[in-house]
Amino acid sequence: NLKKASFRQCFGRDTKGARGAAVLLLSLAKCAALEELNLGDCDKIPADAWKQLGEARWVNLKKASFRGCFDARTKGADGAAVLLL
């Protein structure tokens, strides 16, 4: 069971494969034991990829960082509303 995941800057400025983010986020959404998540500076994640987190139930989540994900360079902020549900 995955408890800590850090993909900081994996889907940022120099990203070539941000479309693959959907598969990663779908997999993370299924990690019920997740306690820490760092997606900092992942501003190139497309909206449809963020939507994969809509079914996430991280009851053990203690710390999450989305720093730099949603700023002037962001590609998919409109899909990230699921993070607030």
Protein backbone atom coordinates (compact mmCIF):
# COMPACT_ATOMS: atom_id res chain seq x y z
CA ASN A 1 0.00 0.00 0.00
CA LEU A 2 1.50 3.27 -1.16
CA LYS A 3 1.74 5.81 1.66
CA LYS A 4 4.03 8.50 0.20
CA ALA A 5 4.15 9.72 -3.39
CA SER A 6 6.17 12.57 -4.83
CA PHE A 7 5.98 13.54 -8.48
CA ARG A 8 7.17 17.12 -7.98
CA GLN A 9 8.09 18.77 -11.30
CA CYS A 10 7.28 15.61 -13.28
CA PHE A 11 4.58 17.44 -15.20
CA GLY A 12 6.04 20.93 -15.24
CA ARG A 13 7.78 23.33 -17.57
CA ASP A 14 9.94 20.82 -19.46
CA THR A 15 7.33 18.07 -19.64
CA LYS A 16 7.00 16.11 -22.85
CA GLY A 17 4.41 13.54 -21.73
CA ALA A 18 1.79 15.30 -19.60
CA ARG A 19 -0.92 13.25 -21.30
CA GLY A 20 0.33 10.28 -19.28
CA ALA A 21 -0.64 12.12 -16.11
CA ALA A 22 -4.19 10.77 -16.35
CA VAL A 23 -3.00 7.18 -15.83
CA LEU A 24 -0.84 8.24 -12.88
CA LEU A 25 -3.62 10.22 -11.20
CA LEU A 26 -6.12 7.41 -11.72
CA SER A 27 -3.68 5.02 -10.03
CA LEU A 28 -3.10 7.46 -7.16
CA ALA A 29 -6.86 7.87 -6.70
CA LYS A 30 -7.04 4.15 -5.89
CA CYS A 31 -4.38 4.36 -3.14
CA ALA A 32 -6.59 4.42 -0.06
CA ALA A 33 -3.58 4.27 2.30
CA LEU A 34 -1.99 7.44 0.86
CA GLU A 35 -0.73 9.75 3.62
CA GLU A 36 1.50 12.20 1.70
CA LEU A 37 1.27 13.47 -1.87
CA ASN A 38 3.50 15.99 -3.61
CA LEU A 39 2.51 17.17 -7.07
CA GLY A 40 4.25 20.53 -6.71
CA ASP A 41 5.06 22.43 -9.90
CA CYS A 42 2.97 20.08 -12.06
CA ASP A 43 1.33 22.91 -13.99
CA LYS A 44 1.11 21.02 -17.29
CA ILE A 45 -1.36 18.37 -16.10
CA PRO A 46 -4.38 18.62 -18.42
CA ALA A 47 -7.92 19.09 -17.09
CA ASP A 48 -9.07 15.58 -18.03
CA ALA A 49 -6.19 14.13 -16.01
CA TRP A 50 -7.08 16.10 -12.86
CA LYS A 51 -10.62 14.76 -13.13
CA GLN A 52 -9.25 11.25 -12.47
CA LEU A 53 -8.95 12.24 -8.81
CA GLY A 54 -12.72 12.64 -8.52
CA GLU A 55 -13.13 9.18 -6.99
CA ALA A 56 -10.15 9.43 -4.61
CA ARG A 57 -10.95 8.63 -0.98
CA TRP A 58 -7.76 9.38 0.87
CA VAL A 59 -9.00 9.02 4.43
CA ASN A 60 -5.41 8.81 5.74
CA LEU A 61 -4.08 11.82 3.82
CA LYS A 62 -2.12 14.09 6.16
CA LYS A 63 -0.12 16.23 3.78
CA ALA A 64 -0.58 17.25 0.15
CA SER A 65 1.26 19.80 -1.95
CA PHE A 66 -0.06 21.26 -5.17
CA ARG A 67 2.27 24.28 -4.96
CA GLY A 68 2.78 25.84 -8.38
CA CYS A 69 0.15 23.64 -10.04
CA PHE A 70 -2.38 26.39 -10.52
CA ASP A 71 -0.84 29.64 -11.70
CA ALA A 72 -0.49 31.66 -14.90
CA ARG A 73 1.18 28.71 -16.71
CA THR A 74 -1.45 26.15 -15.72
CA LYS A 75 -2.94 24.01 -18.49
CA GLY A 76 -5.76 22.21 -16.67
CA ALA A 77 -6.97 24.18 -13.68
CA ASP A 78 -10.61 23.83 -14.70
CA GLY A 79 -10.38 20.07 -14.17
CA ALA A 80 -8.99 20.40 -10.66
CA ALA A 81 -12.31 21.29 -9.03
CA VAL A 82 -12.53 17.62 -7.96
CA LEU A 83 -9.77 18.33 -5.44
CA LEU A 84 -12.22 20.44 -3.46
CA LEU A 85 -14.94 17.81 -3.16
